[in-house]
Amino acid sequence: MTETSERSAAGAAAHGVRGSAPAAGSIAEALALLEAGLSFLAGADAPALTMAEQAAALRALARAESMQLAAASKVLRAFDVGGGYELDGQRTARSWLRWQTQITSAAAGWATGWVQRLAAHPEVWGALAAGQVSPSWAR
């Protein structure tokens, strides 16, 4: 993907345009697109946007937060069930998260708590994954 198309996809998201980003062919490509889009948005000149553009960006970012939680919980569940943390000499997914992602113990507990919560409530996971509810509503 070119830098121009990355900016175009990120710009579309900032303006509330859904489904206009190029499709990723792999997890690695999807993660690269995600990082590129967020990097673009974090560096954007937000005060230069119109109020409508700011509002659209806030709505899109709220949906993205919901989707990110659903995706992260899904991957963390698979990682935990598969014992991926053991490959790095860790005893739990929570300890691995603290070490590898540099989050606090409380944040790692929050992440693993979401995995359990969403496993017990697949409808809530689906609503988060679709960006239909916020994490605070889902909780």
C-alpha atoms as a PDB file:
ATOM      1  CA  MET A   1       0.000   0.000   0.000  1.00  0.00           C
ATOM      2  CA  THR A   2       1.300   3.439  -0.847  1.00  0.00           C
ATOM      3  CA  GLU A   3       1.608   6.309   1.580  1.00  0.00           C
ATOM      4  CA  THR A   4      -1.026   8.186  -0.426  1.00  0.00           C
ATOM      5  CA  SER A   5      -3.567   5.364  -0.186  1.00  0.00           C
ATOM      6  CA  GLU A   6      -2.848   5.022   3.539  1.00  0.00           C
ATOM      7  CA  ARG A   7      -3.554   8.713   4.003  1.00  0.00           C
ATOM      8  CA  SER A   8      -6.687   8.429   1.891  1.00  0.00           C
ATOM      9  CA  ALA A   9      -8.004   5.539   3.980  1.00  0.00           C
ATOM     10  CA  ALA A  10      -7.216   7.344   7.217  1.00  0.00           C
ATOM     11  CA  GLY A  11      -8.762  10.555   5.924  1.00  0.00           C
ATOM     12  CA  ALA A  12     -11.937   8.699   5.011  1.00  0.00           C
ATOM     13  CA  ALA A  13     -12.158   7.318   8.528  1.00  0.00           C
ATOM     14  CA  ALA A  14     -11.651  10.791   9.992  1.00  0.00           C
ATOM     15  CA  HIS A  15     -14.564  12.066   7.928  1.00  0.00           C
ATOM     16  CA  GLY A  16     -16.892   9.320   9.023  1.00  0.00           C
ATOM     17  CA  VAL A  17     -16.735   7.390   5.750  1.00  0.00           C
ATOM     18  CA  ARG A  18     -17.140   3.708   6.545  1.00  0.00           C
ATOM     19  CA  GLY A  19     -15.999   0.824   4.415  1.00  0.00           C
ATOM     20  CA  SER A  20     -13.869   2.895   2.058  1.00  0.00           C
ATOM     21  CA  ALA A  21     -10.466   1.642   3.230  1.00  0.00           C
ATOM     22  CA  PRO A  22      -8.716  -0.959   1.118  1.00  0.00           C
ATOM     23  CA  ALA A  23      -9.217  -4.514   2.323  1.00  0.00           C
ATOM     24  CA  ALA A  24      -6.273  -6.156   4.033  1.00  0.00           C
ATOM     25  CA  GLY A  25      -5.166  -9.555   2.812  1.00  0.00           C
ATOM     26  CA  SER A  26      -3.597 -10.646   6.093  1.00  0.00           C
ATOM     27  CA  ILE A  27      -3.474  -9.882   9.779  1.00  0.00           C
ATOM     28  CA  ALA A  28      -0.089  -8.205   9.286  1.00  0.00           C
ATOM     29  CA  GLU A  29      -1.517  -5.977   6.537  1.00  0.00           C
ATOM     30  CA  ALA A  30      -4.559  -5.114   8.638  1.00  0.00           C
ATOM     31  CA  LEU A  31      -2.352  -4.170  11.588  1.00  0.00           C
ATOM     32  CA  ALA A  32      -0.136  -2.048   9.337  1.00  0.00           C
ATOM     33  CA  LEU A  33      -3.218  -0.236   7.991  1.00  0.00           C
ATOM     34  CA  LEU A  34      -4.491   0.272  11.532  1.00  0.00           C
ATOM     35  CA  GLU A  35      -1.215   1.761  12.723  1.00  0.00           C
ATOM     36  CA  ALA A  36      -0.891   3.944   9.626  1.00  0.00           C
ATOM     37  CA  GLY A  37      -4.412   5.282  10.052  1.00  0.00           C
ATOM     38  CA  LEU A  38      -4.014   6.000  13.739  1.00  0.00           C
ATOM     39  CA  SER A  39      -0.635   7.623  13.149  1.00  0.00           C
ATOM     40  CA  PHE A  40      -2.186   9.855  10.505  1.00  0.00           C
ATOM     41  CA  LEU A  41      -5.084  10.798  12.781  1.00  0.00           C
ATOM     42  CA  ALA A  42      -2.833  11.459  15.785  1.00  0.00           C
ATOM     43  CA  GLY A  43      -0.752  13.820  13.671  1.00  0.00           C
ATOM     44  CA  ALA A  44      -3.677  15.510  11.935  1.00  0.00           C
ATOM     45  CA  ASP A  45      -4.354  19.210  12.435  1.00  0.00           C
ATOM     46  CA  ALA A  46      -7.606  18.724  14.365  1.00  0.00           C
ATOM     47  CA  PRO A  47      -8.245  22.454  14.916  1.00  0.00           C
ATOM     48  CA  ALA A  48      -8.190  22.936  11.136  1.00  0.00           C
ATOM     49  CA  LEU A  49     -11.088  20.501  10.690  1.00  0.00           C
ATOM     50  CA  THR A  50     -14.640  21.756  10.519  1.00  0.00           C
ATOM     51  CA  MET A  51     -16.887  20.980  13.468  1.00  0.00           C
ATOM     52  CA  ALA A  52     -18.677  18.397  11.305  1.00  0.00           C
ATOM     53  CA  GLU A  53     -15.352  16.726  10.494  1.00  0.00           C
ATOM     54  CA  GLN A  54     -14.357  16.729  14.178  1.00  0.00           C
ATOM     55  CA  ALA A  55     -17.717  15.206  15.129  1.00  0.00           C
ATOM     56  CA  ALA A  56     -17.406  12.531  12.424  1.00  0.00           C
ATOM     57  CA  ALA A  57     -13.871  11.712  13.573  1.00  0.00           C
ATOM     58  CA  LEU A  58     -14.996  11.363  17.189  1.00  0.00           C
ATOM     59  CA  ARG A  59     -17.844   9.029  16.184  1.00  0.00           C
ATOM     60  CA  ALA A  60     -15.531   6.920  13.995  1.00  0.00           C
ATOM     61  CA  LEU A  61     -12.881   6.738  16.714  1.00  0.00           C
ATOM     62  CA  ALA A  62     -15.503   5.639  19.261  1.00  0.00           C
ATOM     63  CA  ARG A  63     -16.584   2.833  16.901  1.00  0.00           C
ATOM     64  CA  ALA A  64     -12.931   1.925  16.388  1.00  0.00           C
ATOM     65  CA  GLU A  65     -12.403   1.734  20.161  1.00  0.00           C
ATOM     66  CA  SER A  66     -15.269  -0.752  20.431  1.00  0.00           C
ATOM     67  CA  MET A  67     -13.955  -2.811  17.538  1.00  0.00           C
ATOM     68  CA  GLN A  68     -10.417  -2.718  18.938  1.00  0.00           C
ATOM     69  CA  LEU A  69     -11.615  -4.102  22.264  1.00  0.00           C
ATOM     70  CA  ALA A  70     -13.496  -6.920  20.529  1.00  0.00           C
ATOM     71  CA  ALA A  71     -10.506  -7.767  18.326  1.00  0.00           C
ATOM     72  CA  ALA A  72      -7.971  -7.587  21.149  1.00  0.00           C
ATOM     73  CA  SER A  73     -10.156  -9.772  23.358  1.00  0.00           C
ATOM     74  CA  LYS A  74     -10.554 -12.337  20.591  1.00  0.00           C
ATOM     75  CA  VAL A  75      -6.802 -12.526  19.948  1.00  0.00           C
ATOM     76  CA  LEU A  76      -5.957 -12.538  23.666  1.00  0.00           C
ATOM     77  CA  ARG A  77      -8.389 -15.399  24.260  1.00  0.00           C
ATOM     78  CA  ALA A  78      -6.759 -17.470  21.512  1.00  0.00           C
ATOM     79  CA  PHE A  79      -3.290 -16.560  22.826  1.00  0.00           C
ATOM     80  CA  ASP A  80      -4.278 -17.549  26.367  1.00  0.00           C
ATOM     81  CA  VAL A  81      -6.012 -20.808  25.382  1.00  0.00           C
ATOM     82  CA  GLY A  82      -3.048 -21.740  23.199  1.00  0.00           C
ATOM     83  CA  GLY A  83      -0.540 -20.948  25.942  1.00  0.00           C
ATOM     84  CA  GLY A  84       1.324 -18.460  23.753  1.00  0.00           C
ATOM     85  CA  TYR A  85       2.702 -16.741  26.835  1.00  0.00           C
ATOM     86  CA  GLU A  86       4.662 -19.890  27.732  1.00  0.00           C
ATOM     87  CA  LEU A  87       6.856 -19.447  24.641  1.00  0.00           C
ATOM     88  CA  ASP A  88       8.337 -16.387  26.364  1.00  0.00           C
ATOM     89  CA  GLY A  89       8.701 -18.097  29.727  1.00  0.00           C
ATOM     90  CA  GLN A  90       5.680 -16.428  31.290  1.00  0.00           C
ATOM     91  CA  ARG A  91       3.186 -18.202  33.540  1.00  0.00           C
ATOM     92  CA  THR A  92       0.060 -16.331  32.462  1.00  0.00           C
ATOM     93  CA  ALA A  93      -1.251 -14.186  29.645  1.00  0.00           C
ATOM     94  CA  ARG A  94      -1.609 -11.375  32.176  1.00  0.00           C
ATOM     95  CA  SER A  95       2.099 -11.458  33.081  1.00  0.00           C
ATOM     96  CA  TRP A  96       2.996 -11.651  29.389  1.00  0.00           C
ATOM     97  CA  LEU A  97       0.868  -8.576  28.658  1.00  0.00           C
ATOM     98  CA  ARG A  98       2.589  -6.615  31.429  1.00  0.00           C
ATOM     99  CA  TRP A  99       6.012  -7.559  30.096  1.00  0.00           C
ATOM    100  CA  GLN A 100       5.471  -7.378  26.342  1.00  0.00           C
ATOM    101  CA  THR A 101       3.026  -4.487  26.043  1.00  0.00           C
ATOM    102  CA  GLN A 102       4.311  -2.418  28.961  1.00  0.00           C
ATOM    103  CA  ILE A 103       0.938  -2.044  30.660  1.00  0.00           C
ATOM    104  CA  THR A 104       0.229  -2.023  34.360  1.00  0.00           C
ATOM    105  CA  SER A 105      -0.953  -5.053  36.273  1.00  0.00           C
ATOM    106  CA  ALA A 106      -4.374  -3.427  36.603  1.00  0.00           C
ATOM    107  CA  ALA A 107      -4.603  -2.852  32.843  1.00  0.00           C
ATOM    108  CA  ALA A 108      -3.570  -6.456  32.159  1.00  0.00           C
ATOM    109  CA  GLY A 109      -6.265  -7.602  34.579  1.00  0.00           C
ATOM    110  CA  TRP A 110      -8.766  -5.376  32.779  1.00  0.00           C
ATOM    111  CA  ALA A 111      -7.805  -6.960  29.441  1.00  0.00           C
ATOM    112  CA  THR A 112      -8.091 -10.528  30.701  1.00  0.00           C
ATOM    113  CA  GLY A 113     -11.345  -9.638  32.446  1.00  0.00           C
ATOM    114  CA  TRP A 114     -12.806  -8.519  29.112  1.00  0.00           C
ATOM    115  CA  VAL A 115     -11.809 -11.854  27.580  1.00  0.00           C
ATOM    116  CA  GLN A 116     -13.791 -13.709  30.229  1.00  0.00           C
ATOM    117  CA  ARG A 117     -16.722 -11.309  30.093  1.00  0.00           C
ATOM    118  CA  LEU A 118     -17.044 -11.437  26.312  1.00  0.00           C
ATOM    119  CA  ALA A 119     -16.625 -15.214  26.172  1.00  0.00           C
ATOM    120  CA  ALA A 120     -19.650 -15.455  28.456  1.00  0.00           C
ATOM    121  CA  HIS A 121     -21.650 -12.939  26.388  1.00  0.00           C
ATOM    122  CA  PRO A 122     -21.091 -13.490  22.648  1.00  0.00           C
ATOM    123  CA  GLU A 123     -23.905 -11.089  21.722  1.00  0.00           C
ATOM    124  CA  VAL A 124     -22.092  -8.279  23.509  1.00  0.00           C
ATOM    125  CA  TRP A 125     -18.863  -9.252  21.754  1.00  0.00           C
ATOM    126  CA  GLY A 126     -20.716  -9.074  18.427  1.00  0.00           C
ATOM    127  CA  ALA A 127     -22.108  -5.625  19.207  1.00  0.00           C
ATOM    128  CA  LEU A 128     -18.621  -4.376  20.129  1.00  0.00           C
ATOM    129  CA  ALA A 129     -17.097  -5.954  17.033  1.00  0.00           C
ATOM    130  CA  ALA A 130     -19.679  -4.173  14.883  1.00  0.00           C
ATOM    131  CA  GLY A 131     -19.026  -0.857  16.647  1.00  0.00           C
ATOM    132  CA  GLN A 132     -22.658  -0.722  17.781  1.00  0.00           C
ATOM    133  CA  VAL A 133     -21.968  -0.196  21.487  1.00  0.00           C
ATOM    134  CA  SER A 134     -19.176   1.443  23.440  1.00  0.00           C
ATOM    135  CA  PRO A 135     -17.003  -0.455  25.908  1.00  0.00           C
ATOM    136  CA  SER A 136     -18.662   1.395  28.777  1.00  0.00           C
ATOM    137  CA  TRP A 137     -22.127   0.318  27.588  1.00  0.00           C
ATOM    138  CA  ALA A 138     -20.907  -3.222  26.999  1.00  0.00           C
ATOM    139  CA  ARG A 139     -19.521  -3.444  30.500  1.00  0.00           C
END
